[in-house]
């Protein structure tokens, strides 16, 4: 996978090349468990919108489609990582300058959505590529829905296959996108793939 697409395809869905738009079809009744047609699930529309923003590098708009808990965890995890791994003040300053701030305290005080957008913009600058290569990737990109699995009424996992042409090779990747139902509707959740430890009650 190209470096340009790595942060995007981790949160991607549906079919498209240059312009993605939700399919218009009657709403179907969604069961609370099992595999369903992803085009029947309202969460598919949110992933399509997120991908449209990400492909255009509209990171501020993309943050509105991610759960608040996910954004907070990414933000706090990055700050904790800098505190843990920076061996010198220069290391710390290099890290905070990446997101346009002058101190780690300023980064801590950022809105989590603003941090997420700033971080991705920094990655975009670091892995910049020439316009011709970028245009080739954008023109050839296909994101195909394979299935959607629901867990209860508030969690869905959407499996997609992505393909694009980079130089003289076709790059294909399998992605799993998780979304949670919130008060604002379905939102991308970045915390579902990792292992979870749930303490058991002692008898």
N, C-alpha and C. Protein backbone atom coordinates (compact mmCIF):
# COMPACT_ATOMS: atom_id res chain seq x y z
N UNK A 1 0.85 -1.20 0.00
CA UNK A 1 0.00 0.00 0.00
C UNK A 1 0.89 1.25 0.00
N UNK A 2 0.52 2.26 -0.75
CA UNK A 2 1.31 3.47 -0.77
C UNK A 2 1.16 4.22 0.53
N UNK A 3 2.18 5.03 0.85
CA UNK A 3 2.11 5.81 2.08
C UNK A 3 0.96 6.80 2.03
N UNK A 4 0.65 7.33 0.84
CA UNK A 4 -0.44 8.30 0.72
C UNK A 4 -1.76 7.69 1.15
N UNK A 5 -2.00 6.43 0.78
CA UNK A 5 -3.29 5.82 1.04
C UNK A 5 -3.40 5.17 2.41
N UNK A 6 -2.28 4.93 3.08
CA UNK A 6 -2.31 4.20 4.34
C UNK A 6 -3.27 4.78 5.36
N UNK A 7 -3.24 6.10 5.67
CA UNK A 7 -4.17 6.62 6.67
C UNK A 7 -5.60 6.70 6.17
N UNK A 8 -5.79 6.67 4.87
CA UNK A 8 -7.12 6.80 4.30
C UNK A 8 -7.83 5.46 4.25
N UNK A 9 -7.15 4.43 3.75
CA UNK A 9 -7.79 3.15 3.51
C UNK A 9 -8.10 2.41 4.79
N UNK A 10 -7.51 2.83 5.89
CA UNK A 10 -7.86 2.22 7.17
C UNK A 10 -9.29 2.55 7.55
N UNK A 11 -9.86 3.55 6.92
CA UNK A 11 -11.23 3.98 7.23
C UNK A 11 -12.01 4.17 5.95
N UNK A 12 -12.03 3.17 5.08
CA UNK A 12 -12.64 3.37 3.78
C UNK A 12 -13.73 2.36 3.49
N UNK A 13 -14.63 2.71 2.55
CA UNK A 13 -15.72 1.82 2.22
C UNK A 13 -16.36 2.20 0.91
N UNK A 14 -17.13 1.26 0.33
CA UNK A 14 -17.99 1.42 -0.83
C UNK A 14 -17.22 1.43 -2.13
N UNK A 15 -17.94 1.59 -3.23
CA UNK A 15 -17.36 1.51 -4.56
C UNK A 15 -17.19 2.90 -5.12
N UNK A 16 -16.06 3.16 -5.80
CA UNK A 16 -15.89 4.44 -6.42
C UNK A 16 -14.58 4.56 -7.14
N UNK A 17 -14.47 5.55 -8.02
CA UNK A 17 -13.21 5.84 -8.68
C UNK A 17 -12.81 7.28 -8.35
N UNK A 18 -13.48 8.23 -8.96
CA UNK A 18 -13.15 9.62 -8.67
C UNK A 18 -14.18 10.29 -7.77
N UNK A 19 -15.43 9.86 -7.84
CA UNK A 19 -16.49 10.46 -7.03
C UNK A 19 -17.33 9.37 -6.42
N UNK A 20 -17.46 9.36 -5.10
CA UNK A 20 -18.24 8.35 -4.41
C UNK A 20 -19.53 8.96 -3.89
N UNK A 21 -20.62 8.25 -4.03
CA UNK A 21 -21.89 8.74 -3.51
C UNK A 21 -22.72 7.57 -3.05
N UNK A 22 -23.52 7.74 -1.98
CA UNK A 22 -24.32 6.65 -1.45
C UNK A 22 -25.37 6.20 -2.47
N UNK A 23 -25.61 4.88 -2.48
CA UNK A 23 -26.66 4.36 -3.36
C UNK A 23 -28.02 4.71 -2.79
N UNK A 24 -28.93 5.09 -3.65
CA UNK A 24 -30.29 5.41 -3.21
C UNK A 24 -31.15 4.17 -3.34
N UNK A 25 -31.57 3.64 -2.22
CA UNK A 25 -32.41 2.45 -2.24
C UNK A 25 -33.26 2.43 -0.99
N UNK A 26 -34.39 1.72 -0.99
CA UNK A 26 -35.28 1.69 0.18
C UNK A 26 -34.56 1.15 1.40
N UNK A 27 -34.90 1.68 2.57
CA UNK A 27 -34.30 1.20 3.80
C UNK A 27 -34.80 -0.20 4.12
N UNK A 28 -33.88 -1.06 4.52
CA UNK A 28 -34.24 -2.42 4.90
C UNK A 28 -34.17 -2.57 6.41
N UNK A 29 -34.88 -3.52 6.94
CA UNK A 29 -34.83 -3.78 8.38
C UNK A 29 -33.52 -4.48 8.71
N UNK A 30 -32.75 -3.93 9.65
CA UNK A 30 -31.43 -4.45 9.98
C UNK A 30 -31.52 -5.34 11.22
N UNK A 31 -31.07 -6.60 11.12
CA UNK A 31 -31.07 -7.46 12.31
C UNK A 31 -30.02 -7.00 13.30
N UNK A 32 -30.10 -7.48 14.54
CA UNK A 32 -29.17 -7.05 15.59
C UNK A 32 -27.95 -7.93 15.68
N UNK A 33 -27.82 -8.95 14.84
CA UNK A 33 -26.64 -9.82 14.85
C UNK A 33 -26.53 -10.50 13.50
N UNK A 34 -25.28 -10.80 13.10
CA UNK A 34 -25.05 -11.55 11.88
C UNK A 34 -24.57 -10.69 10.72
N UNK A 35 -24.49 -11.30 9.53
CA UNK A 35 -24.02 -10.61 8.33
C UNK A 35 -25.22 -10.05 7.57
N UNK A 36 -25.10 -8.80 7.13
CA UNK A 36 -26.18 -8.14 6.40
C UNK A 36 -25.62 -7.54 5.12
N UNK A 37 -26.51 -7.15 4.22
CA UNK A 37 -26.11 -6.44 3.01
C UNK A 37 -25.63 -5.05 3.43
N UNK A 38 -24.35 -4.72 3.17
CA UNK A 38 -23.83 -3.42 3.62
C UNK A 38 -24.55 -2.24 3.00
N UNK A 39 -25.12 -2.42 1.82
CA UNK A 39 -25.83 -1.33 1.17
C UNK A 39 -27.18 -1.05 1.84
N UNK A 40 -27.64 -1.97 2.69
CA UNK A 40 -28.87 -1.76 3.44
C UNK A 40 -28.61 -1.07 4.78
N UNK A 41 -27.33 -1.00 5.17
CA UNK A 41 -27.02 -0.47 6.50
C UNK A 41 -26.68 1.02 6.41
N UNK A 42 -27.30 1.86 7.25
CA UNK A 42 -27.07 3.31 7.19
C UNK A 42 -25.63 3.71 7.47
N UNK A 43 -24.85 2.86 8.15
CA UNK A 43 -23.46 3.20 8.45
C UNK A 43 -22.61 3.30 7.18
N UNK A 44 -23.02 2.60 6.11
CA UNK A 44 -22.26 2.66 4.86
C UNK A 44 -22.16 4.08 4.33
N UNK A 45 -23.24 4.84 4.48
CA UNK A 45 -23.24 6.22 4.01
C UNK A 45 -22.18 7.06 4.71
N UNK A 46 -22.01 6.83 6.02
CA UNK A 46 -21.03 7.59 6.80
C UNK A 46 -19.62 7.27 6.32
N UNK A 47 -19.33 6.01 6.03
CA UNK A 47 -18.00 5.65 5.57
C UNK A 47 -17.72 6.27 4.21
N UNK A 48 -18.74 6.31 3.36
CA UNK A 48 -18.59 6.94 2.05
C UNK A 48 -18.23 8.42 2.23
N UNK A 49 -18.94 9.10 3.11
CA UNK A 49 -18.67 10.52 3.35
C UNK A 49 -17.26 10.72 3.90
N UNK A 50 -16.86 9.86 4.84
CA UNK A 50 -15.52 9.98 5.41
C UNK A 50 -14.46 9.82 4.32
N UNK A 51 -14.64 8.81 3.47
CA UNK A 51 -13.65 8.56 2.42
C UNK A 51 -13.58 9.72 1.44
N UNK A 52 -14.71 10.30 1.10
CA UNK A 52 -14.71 11.47 0.22
C UNK A 52 -13.87 12.60 0.82
N UNK A 53 -14.04 12.86 2.12
CA UNK A 53 -13.26 13.91 2.79
C UNK A 53 -11.78 13.54 2.83
N UNK A 54 -11.49 12.28 3.16
CA UNK A 54 -10.10 11.87 3.30
C UNK A 54 -9.36 11.95 1.97
N UNK A 55 -10.00 11.52 0.90
CA UNK A 55 -9.36 11.56 -0.42
C UNK A 55 -9.05 13.00 -0.84
N UNK A 56 -9.84 13.93 -0.35
CA UNK A 56 -9.60 15.34 -0.68
C UNK A 56 -8.75 16.04 0.38
N UNK A 57 -8.26 15.27 1.35
CA UNK A 57 -7.45 15.80 2.45
C UNK A 57 -8.22 16.83 3.26
N UNK A 58 -9.53 16.64 3.38
CA UNK A 58 -10.38 17.52 4.18
C UNK A 58 -10.49 16.93 5.59
N UNK A 59 -9.38 16.98 6.32
CA UNK A 59 -9.30 16.27 7.59
C UNK A 59 -10.21 16.86 8.66
N UNK A 60 -10.41 18.17 8.64
CA UNK A 60 -11.29 18.79 9.64
C UNK A 60 -12.72 18.28 9.47
N UNK A 61 -13.18 18.18 8.22
CA UNK A 61 -14.51 17.64 7.98
C UNK A 61 -14.57 16.16 8.34
N UNK A 62 -13.49 15.43 8.10
CA UNK A 62 -13.46 14.00 8.40
C UNK A 62 -13.63 13.73 9.88
N UNK A 63 -13.10 14.61 10.72
CA UNK A 63 -13.19 14.37 12.17
C UNK A 63 -14.63 14.35 12.67
N UNK A 64 -15.53 15.03 11.96
CA UNK A 64 -16.93 15.05 12.40
C UNK A 64 -17.60 13.70 12.20
N UNK A 65 -16.94 12.79 11.49
CA UNK A 65 -17.50 11.46 11.22
C UNK A 65 -16.82 10.38 12.05
N UNK A 66 -16.03 10.76 13.03
CA UNK A 66 -15.34 9.83 13.92
C UNK A 66 -15.87 10.02 15.33
N UNK A 67 -15.98 8.93 16.09
CA UNK A 67 -16.50 9.05 17.46
C UNK A 67 -15.60 9.93 18.31
N UNK A 68 -16.20 10.65 19.24
CA UNK A 68 -15.44 11.52 20.14
C UNK A 68 -14.45 10.71 20.96
N UNK A 69 -14.84 9.51 21.41
CA UNK A 69 -13.94 8.67 22.19
C UNK A 69 -12.71 8.27 21.38
N UNK A 70 -12.90 7.98 20.10
CA UNK A 70 -11.77 7.61 19.24
C UNK A 70 -10.79 8.77 19.11
N UNK A 71 -11.33 9.96 18.84
CA UNK A 71 -10.46 11.12 18.69
C UNK A 71 -9.69 11.40 19.98
N UNK A 72 -10.38 11.29 21.12
CA UNK A 72 -9.73 11.52 22.41
C UNK A 72 -8.64 10.49 22.67
N UNK A 73 -8.90 9.22 22.36
CA UNK A 73 -7.90 8.18 22.58
C UNK A 73 -6.67 8.38 21.71
N UNK A 74 -6.87 8.76 20.44
CA UNK A 74 -5.74 9.03 19.55
C UNK A 74 -4.91 10.18 20.10
N UNK A 75 -5.59 11.24 20.50
CA UNK A 75 -4.94 12.44 21.03
C UNK A 75 -4.14 12.12 22.30
N UNK A 76 -4.81 11.53 23.29
CA UNK A 76 -4.16 11.22 24.56
C UNK A 76 -3.05 10.19 24.39
N UNK A 77 -3.27 9.22 23.48
CA UNK A 77 -2.25 8.20 23.25
C UNK A 77 -0.99 8.79 22.64
N UNK A 78 -1.15 9.76 21.74
CA UNK A 78 0.01 10.41 21.12
C UNK A 78 0.80 11.19 22.17
N UNK A 79 0.10 11.96 23.00
CA UNK A 79 0.76 12.74 24.04
C UNK A 79 1.51 11.82 25.01
N UNK A 80 0.84 10.74 25.42
CA UNK A 80 1.48 9.79 26.33
C UNK A 80 2.71 9.16 25.69
N UNK A 81 2.64 8.88 24.40
CA UNK A 81 3.78 8.29 23.70
C UNK A 81 4.97 9.23 23.66
N UNK A 82 4.71 10.53 23.45
CA UNK A 82 5.80 11.51 23.45
C UNK A 82 6.43 11.59 24.83
N UNK A 83 5.61 11.64 25.87
CA UNK A 83 6.13 11.70 27.24
C UNK A 83 6.97 10.47 27.57
N UNK A 84 6.55 9.34 27.05
CA UNK A 84 7.24 8.08 27.36
C UNK A 84 8.53 7.90 26.56
N UNK A 85 8.52 8.36 25.31
CA UNK A 85 9.62 8.02 24.40
C UNK A 85 10.61 9.14 24.12
N UNK A 86 10.22 10.39 24.34
CA UNK A 86 11.13 11.50 24.08
C UNK A 86 12.26 11.49 25.12
N UNK A 87 13.50 11.31 24.66
CA UNK A 87 14.63 11.21 25.59
C UNK A 87 15.20 12.57 25.95
N UNK A 88 15.01 13.54 25.06
CA UNK A 88 15.53 14.88 25.30
C UNK A 88 14.44 15.91 25.00
N UNK A 89 14.69 17.16 25.41
CA UNK A 89 13.74 18.23 25.12
C UNK A 89 13.66 18.47 23.62
N UNK A 90 14.77 18.22 22.92
CA UNK A 90 14.76 18.38 21.46
C UNK A 90 13.83 17.36 20.80
N UNK A 91 13.85 16.12 21.30
CA UNK A 91 12.94 15.10 20.79
C UNK A 91 11.49 15.54 20.98
N UNK A 92 11.20 16.07 22.16
CA UNK A 92 9.84 16.51 22.46
C UNK A 92 9.43 17.66 21.56
N UNK A 93 10.34 18.62 21.34
CA UNK A 93 10.03 19.77 20.51
C UNK A 93 9.82 19.37 19.05
N UNK A 94 10.59 18.41 18.57
CA UNK A 94 10.41 17.92 17.20
C UNK A 94 9.00 17.34 17.04
N UNK A 95 8.54 16.64 18.08
CA UNK A 95 7.22 16.02 18.02
C UNK A 95 6.11 17.06 18.02
N UNK A 96 6.19 18.05 18.91
CA UNK A 96 5.11 19.03 19.02
C UNK A 96 5.07 19.97 17.81
N UNK A 97 6.24 20.23 17.22
CA UNK A 97 6.26 21.06 16.01
C UNK A 97 5.56 20.37 14.85
N UNK A 98 5.52 19.05 14.90
CA UNK A 98 4.84 18.29 13.85
C UNK A 98 3.39 18.71 13.70
N UNK A 99 2.75 19.04 14.82
CA UNK A 99 1.33 19.44 14.79
C UNK A 99 1.17 20.95 14.99
N UNK A 100 2.24 21.70 14.77
CA UNK A 100 2.15 23.15 14.76
C UNK A 100 2.07 23.83 16.10
N UNK A 101 2.57 23.19 17.16
CA UNK A 101 2.53 23.79 18.49
C UNK A 101 3.94 24.03 19.02
N UNK A 102 4.01 24.82 20.12
CA UNK A 102 5.31 25.20 20.67
C UNK A 102 5.68 24.42 21.92
N UNK A 103 4.74 23.70 22.49
CA UNK A 103 5.03 22.92 23.70
C UNK A 103 4.07 21.74 23.78
N UNK A 104 4.47 20.73 24.54
CA UNK A 104 3.61 19.56 24.71
C UNK A 104 2.35 19.94 25.46
N UNK A 105 2.43 20.93 26.34
CA UNK A 105 1.25 21.38 27.07
C UNK A 105 0.22 21.96 26.10
N UNK A 106 0.68 22.68 25.08
CA UNK A 106 -0.23 23.21 24.08
C UNK A 106 -0.91 22.09 23.31
N UNK A 107 -0.16 21.05 23.02
CA UNK A 107 -0.75 19.90 22.33
C UNK A 107 -1.80 19.24 23.21
N UNK A 108 -1.50 19.07 24.49
CA UNK A 108 -2.45 18.47 25.43
C UNK A 108 -3.76 19.26 25.48
N UNK A 109 -3.66 20.58 25.36
CA UNK A 109 -4.84 21.44 25.48
C UNK A 109 -5.62 21.58 24.18
N UNK A 110 -5.12 20.96 23.10
CA UNK A 110 -5.83 21.04 21.82
C UNK A 110 -7.15 20.29 21.87
N UNK A 111 -8.11 20.74 21.09
CA UNK A 111 -9.30 19.94 20.85
C UNK A 111 -8.86 18.66 20.13
N UNK A 112 -9.42 17.52 20.51
CA UNK A 112 -8.97 16.25 19.96
C UNK A 112 -9.20 16.16 18.45
N UNK A 113 -10.29 16.75 17.96
CA UNK A 113 -10.53 16.77 16.52
C UNK A 113 -9.50 17.61 15.80
N UNK A 114 -9.14 18.76 16.39
CA UNK A 114 -8.12 19.62 15.79
C UNK A 114 -6.77 18.92 15.76
N UNK A 115 -6.47 18.17 16.82
CA UNK A 115 -5.21 17.41 16.83
C UNK A 115 -5.20 16.37 15.72
N UNK A 116 -6.29 15.63 15.57
CA UNK A 116 -6.37 14.59 14.55
C UNK A 116 -6.13 15.18 13.16
N UNK A 117 -6.77 16.32 12.89
CA UNK A 117 -6.62 16.97 11.59
C UNK A 117 -5.18 17.46 11.39
N UNK A 118 -4.60 18.06 12.43
CA UNK A 118 -3.23 18.57 12.33
C UNK A 118 -2.24 17.44 12.11
N UNK A 119 -2.46 16.32 12.79
CA UNK A 119 -1.54 15.18 12.64
C UNK A 119 -1.58 14.64 11.21
N UNK A 120 -2.77 14.48 10.65
CA UNK A 120 -2.88 13.94 9.30
C UNK A 120 -2.35 14.93 8.25
N UNK A 121 -2.52 16.21 8.48
CA UNK A 121 -1.95 17.20 7.57
C UNK A 121 -0.42 17.12 7.60
N UNK A 122 0.14 16.87 8.78
CA UNK A 122 1.59 16.72 8.90
C UNK A 122 2.08 15.48 8.16
N UNK A 123 1.34 14.38 8.29
CA UNK A 123 1.69 13.15 7.57
C UNK A 123 1.60 13.38 6.06
N UNK A 124 0.61 14.12 5.65
CA UNK A 124 0.42 14.44 4.24
C UNK A 124 1.63 15.21 3.69
N UNK A 125 2.14 16.16 4.47
CA UNK A 125 3.32 16.92 4.05
C UNK A 125 4.56 16.03 3.99
N UNK A 126 4.69 15.14 4.98
CA UNK A 126 5.87 14.29 5.06
C UNK A 126 5.95 13.31 3.88
N UNK A 127 4.78 12.78 3.48
CA UNK A 127 4.75 11.77 2.42
C UNK A 127 4.22 12.36 1.11
N UNK A 128 4.54 13.61 0.87
CA UNK A 128 4.08 14.27 -0.35
C UNK A 128 4.61 13.55 -1.58
N UNK A 129 3.78 13.49 -2.63
CA UNK A 129 4.18 12.87 -3.88
C UNK A 129 3.85 13.80 -5.04
N UNK A 130 4.45 13.52 -6.19
CA UNK A 130 4.22 14.40 -7.34
C UNK A 130 2.77 14.27 -7.81
N UNK A 131 2.29 15.31 -8.48
CA UNK A 131 0.89 15.40 -8.87
C UNK A 131 0.47 14.31 -9.85
N UNK A 132 1.36 13.93 -10.75
CA UNK A 132 1.02 12.89 -11.74
C UNK A 132 0.76 11.56 -11.07
N UNK A 133 1.61 11.22 -10.10
CA UNK A 133 1.44 9.95 -9.40
C UNK A 133 0.17 9.96 -8.56
N UNK A 134 -0.09 11.09 -7.92
CA UNK A 134 -1.30 11.23 -7.11
C UNK A 134 -2.54 11.11 -7.98
N UNK A 135 -2.51 11.74 -9.16
CA UNK A 135 -3.66 11.68 -10.07
C UNK A 135 -3.91 10.26 -10.54
N UNK A 136 -2.84 9.50 -10.77
CA UNK A 136 -2.97 8.09 -11.20
C UNK A 136 -3.67 7.27 -10.12
N UNK A 137 -3.28 7.48 -8.86
CA UNK A 137 -3.88 6.75 -7.75
C UNK A 137 -5.36 7.12 -7.60
N UNK A 138 -5.65 8.42 -7.64
CA UNK A 138 -7.03 8.87 -7.47
C UNK A 138 -7.93 8.36 -8.59
N UNK A 139 -7.43 8.37 -9.82
CA UNK A 139 -8.23 7.94 -10.96
C UNK A 139 -8.53 6.45 -10.92
N UNK A 140 -7.59 5.65 -10.41
CA UNK A 140 -7.74 4.19 -10.46
C UNK A 140 -8.34 3.60 -9.19
N UNK A 141 -8.51 4.40 -8.14
CA UNK A 141 -8.96 3.87 -6.85
C UNK A 141 -10.34 3.24 -6.94
N UNK A 142 -10.46 2.01 -6.44
CA UNK A 142 -11.74 1.32 -6.31
C UNK A 142 -11.86 0.81 -4.88
N UNK A 143 -13.00 1.02 -4.26
CA UNK A 143 -13.25 0.54 -2.90
C UNK A 143 -14.54 -0.24 -2.91
N UNK A 144 -14.46 -1.56 -2.77
CA UNK A 144 -15.60 -2.44 -2.96
C UNK A 144 -16.10 -3.03 -1.64
N UNK A 145 -17.36 -2.83 -1.36
CA UNK A 145 -17.98 -3.41 -0.17
C UNK A 145 -18.08 -4.93 -0.34
N UNK A 146 -17.65 -5.67 0.67
CA UNK A 146 -17.78 -7.13 0.65
C UNK A 146 -18.89 -7.61 1.57
N UNK A 147 -18.93 -7.09 2.79
CA UNK A 147 -19.96 -7.53 3.73
C UNK A 147 -20.02 -6.58 4.92
N UNK A 148 -21.07 -6.74 5.72
CA UNK A 148 -21.21 -5.98 6.95
C UNK A 148 -21.70 -6.92 8.04
N UNK A 149 -21.03 -6.90 9.17
CA UNK A 149 -21.44 -7.72 10.31
C UNK A 149 -21.87 -6.85 11.47
N UNK A 150 -23.03 -7.11 12.02
CA UNK A 150 -23.55 -6.29 13.10
C UNK A 150 -23.40 -6.99 14.44
N UNK A 151 -23.11 -6.20 15.46
CA UNK A 151 -23.05 -6.68 16.85
C UNK A 151 -24.03 -5.82 17.65
N UNK A 152 -25.21 -6.34 17.88
CA UNK A 152 -26.22 -5.57 18.58
C UNK A 152 -26.74 -4.44 17.71
N UNK A 153 -27.30 -3.42 18.35
CA UNK A 153 -27.91 -2.32 17.62
C UNK A 153 -26.98 -1.13 17.43
N UNK A 154 -25.77 -1.17 18.02
CA UNK A 154 -24.94 0.04 18.01
C UNK A 154 -23.53 -0.17 17.48
N UNK A 155 -23.24 -1.34 16.92
CA UNK A 155 -21.89 -1.59 16.41
C UNK A 155 -21.96 -2.41 15.13
N UNK A 156 -21.26 -1.95 14.09
CA UNK A 156 -21.21 -2.66 12.82
C UNK A 156 -19.78 -2.66 12.29
N UNK A 157 -19.38 -3.76 11.64
CA UNK A 157 -18.06 -3.88 11.04
C UNK A 157 -18.24 -4.11 9.54
N UNK A 158 -17.65 -3.25 8.72
CA UNK A 158 -17.81 -3.32 7.28
C UNK A 158 -16.49 -3.73 6.64
N UNK A 159 -16.53 -4.81 5.86
CA UNK A 159 -15.34 -5.35 5.20
C UNK A 159 -15.29 -4.86 3.76
N UNK A 160 -14.15 -4.32 3.35
CA UNK A 160 -14.02 -3.79 2.00
C UNK A 160 -12.70 -4.25 1.37
N UNK A 161 -12.68 -4.29 0.04
CA UNK A 161 -11.47 -4.55 -0.73
C UNK A 161 -11.12 -3.29 -1.50
N UNK A 162 -9.91 -2.80 -1.32
CA UNK A 162 -9.48 -1.59 -2.02
C UNK A 162 -8.45 -1.96 -3.09
N UNK A 163 -8.50 -1.22 -4.20
CA UNK A 163 -7.54 -1.43 -5.29
C UNK A 163 -7.19 -0.07 -5.91
N UNK A 164 -5.92 0.07 -6.28
CA UNK A 164 -5.50 1.25 -7.02
C UNK A 164 -4.21 0.93 -7.77
N UNK A 165 -3.89 1.74 -8.76
CA UNK A 165 -2.67 1.57 -9.54
C UNK A 165 -1.64 2.58 -9.05
N UNK A 166 -0.43 2.09 -8.77
CA UNK A 166 0.68 2.95 -8.34
C UNK A 166 1.88 2.60 -9.21
N UNK A 167 2.31 3.51 -10.06
CA UNK A 167 3.35 3.26 -11.04
C UNK A 167 2.90 2.14 -11.97
N UNK A 168 3.61 1.00 -11.97
CA UNK A 168 3.28 -0.07 -12.91
C UNK A 168 2.68 -1.29 -12.21
N UNK A 169 2.12 -1.10 -11.04
CA UNK A 169 1.56 -2.21 -10.29
C UNK A 169 0.18 -1.87 -9.75
N UNK A 170 -0.67 -2.91 -9.65
CA UNK A 170 -1.96 -2.72 -8.99
C UNK A 170 -1.81 -3.14 -7.53
N UNK A 171 -2.23 -2.27 -6.64
CA UNK A 171 -2.14 -2.51 -5.20
C UNK A 171 -3.53 -2.85 -4.68
N UNK A 172 -3.65 -3.98 -3.97
CA UNK A 172 -4.93 -4.41 -3.42
C UNK A 172 -4.78 -4.64 -1.92
N UNK A 173 -5.80 -4.24 -1.18
CA UNK A 173 -5.74 -4.39 0.27
C UNK A 173 -7.11 -4.66 0.84
N UNK A 174 -7.16 -5.44 1.91
CA UNK A 174 -8.40 -5.76 2.60
C UNK A 174 -8.49 -4.94 3.87
N UNK A 175 -9.62 -4.25 4.05
CA UNK A 175 -9.79 -3.36 5.19
C UNK A 175 -11.07 -3.67 5.96
N UNK A 176 -11.01 -3.51 7.28
CA UNK A 176 -12.19 -3.67 8.14
C UNK A 176 -12.47 -2.34 8.82
N UNK A 177 -13.66 -1.80 8.61
CA UNK A 177 -14.05 -0.50 9.17
C UNK A 177 -15.15 -0.72 10.20
N UNK A 178 -14.96 -0.21 11.40
CA UNK A 178 -15.96 -0.36 12.45
C UNK A 178 -16.64 0.98 12.71
N UNK A 179 -17.93 0.94 12.95
CA UNK A 179 -18.70 2.15 13.26
C UNK A 179 -19.62 1.90 14.44
N UNK A 180 -19.78 2.94 15.26
CA UNK A 180 -20.69 2.87 16.40
C UNK A 180 -21.81 3.88 16.24
N UNK A 181 -22.99 3.51 16.75
CA UNK A 181 -24.12 4.42 16.71
C UNK A 181 -24.03 5.36 17.91
N UNK A 182 -24.04 6.66 17.65
CA UNK A 182 -23.95 7.67 18.70
C UNK A 182 -25.19 8.56 18.65
N UNK A 183 -25.23 9.55 19.52
CA UNK A 183 -26.35 10.49 19.52
C UNK A 183 -26.41 11.28 18.22
N UNK A 184 -25.27 11.40 17.54
CA UNK A 184 -25.20 12.13 16.27
C UNK A 184 -25.37 11.22 15.07
N UNK A 185 -25.59 9.93 15.31
CA UNK A 185 -25.70 8.97 14.22
C UNK A 185 -24.51 8.03 14.20
N UNK A 186 -24.34 7.29 13.10
CA UNK A 186 -23.23 6.35 12.98
C UNK A 186 -21.92 7.11 12.76
N UNK A 187 -20.89 6.70 13.52
CA UNK A 187 -19.58 7.34 13.42
C UNK A 187 -18.49 6.26 13.42
N UNK A 188 -17.41 6.54 12.69
CA UNK A 188 -16.28 5.62 12.60
C UNK A 188 -15.63 5.48 13.97
N UNK A 189 -15.40 4.24 14.38
CA UNK A 189 -14.73 3.96 15.65
C UNK A 189 -13.35 3.38 15.37
N UNK A 190 -12.32 4.01 15.91
CA UNK A 190 -10.94 3.59 15.67
C UNK A 190 -10.43 2.63 16.74
N UNK A 191 -11.30 2.20 17.65
CA UNK A 191 -10.82 1.45 18.81
C UNK A 191 -11.29 0.00 18.85
N UNK A 192 -11.88 -0.48 17.77
CA UNK A 192 -12.51 -1.80 17.82
C UNK A 192 -11.58 -2.96 17.48
N UNK A 193 -10.47 -2.71 16.76
CA UNK A 193 -9.61 -3.79 16.30
C UNK A 193 -8.68 -4.32 17.37
N UNK A 194 -8.27 -3.46 18.29
CA UNK A 194 -7.30 -3.87 19.30
C UNK A 194 -7.90 -4.79 20.34
N UNK A 195 -7.04 -5.55 21.04
CA UNK A 195 -7.54 -6.43 22.10
C UNK A 195 -8.12 -5.63 23.26
N UNK A 196 -9.12 -6.19 23.92
CA UNK A 196 -9.75 -5.53 25.04
C UNK A 196 -9.69 -6.45 26.27
N UNK A 197 -9.34 -5.88 27.39
CA UNK A 197 -9.26 -6.62 28.65
C UNK A 197 -10.41 -6.20 29.54
N UNK A 198 -11.28 -7.13 29.87
CA UNK A 198 -12.43 -6.85 30.72
C UNK A 198 -12.29 -7.67 32.00
N UNK A 199 -12.07 -7.01 33.15
CA UNK A 199 -11.89 -7.74 34.42
C UNK A 199 -13.12 -8.58 34.73
N UNK A 200 -12.89 -9.80 35.19
CA UNK A 200 -13.97 -10.69 35.59
C UNK A 200 -14.29 -10.47 37.06
N UNK A 201 -15.56 -10.59 37.39
CA UNK A 201 -15.96 -10.43 38.78
C UNK A 201 -15.51 -11.64 39.57
N UNK A 202 -14.93 -11.37 40.74
CA UNK A 202 -14.50 -12.46 41.60
C UNK A 202 -15.69 -13.09 42.28
N UNK A 203 -15.68 -14.41 42.36
CA UNK A 203 -16.78 -15.12 43.01
C UNK A 203 -16.64 -15.03 44.52
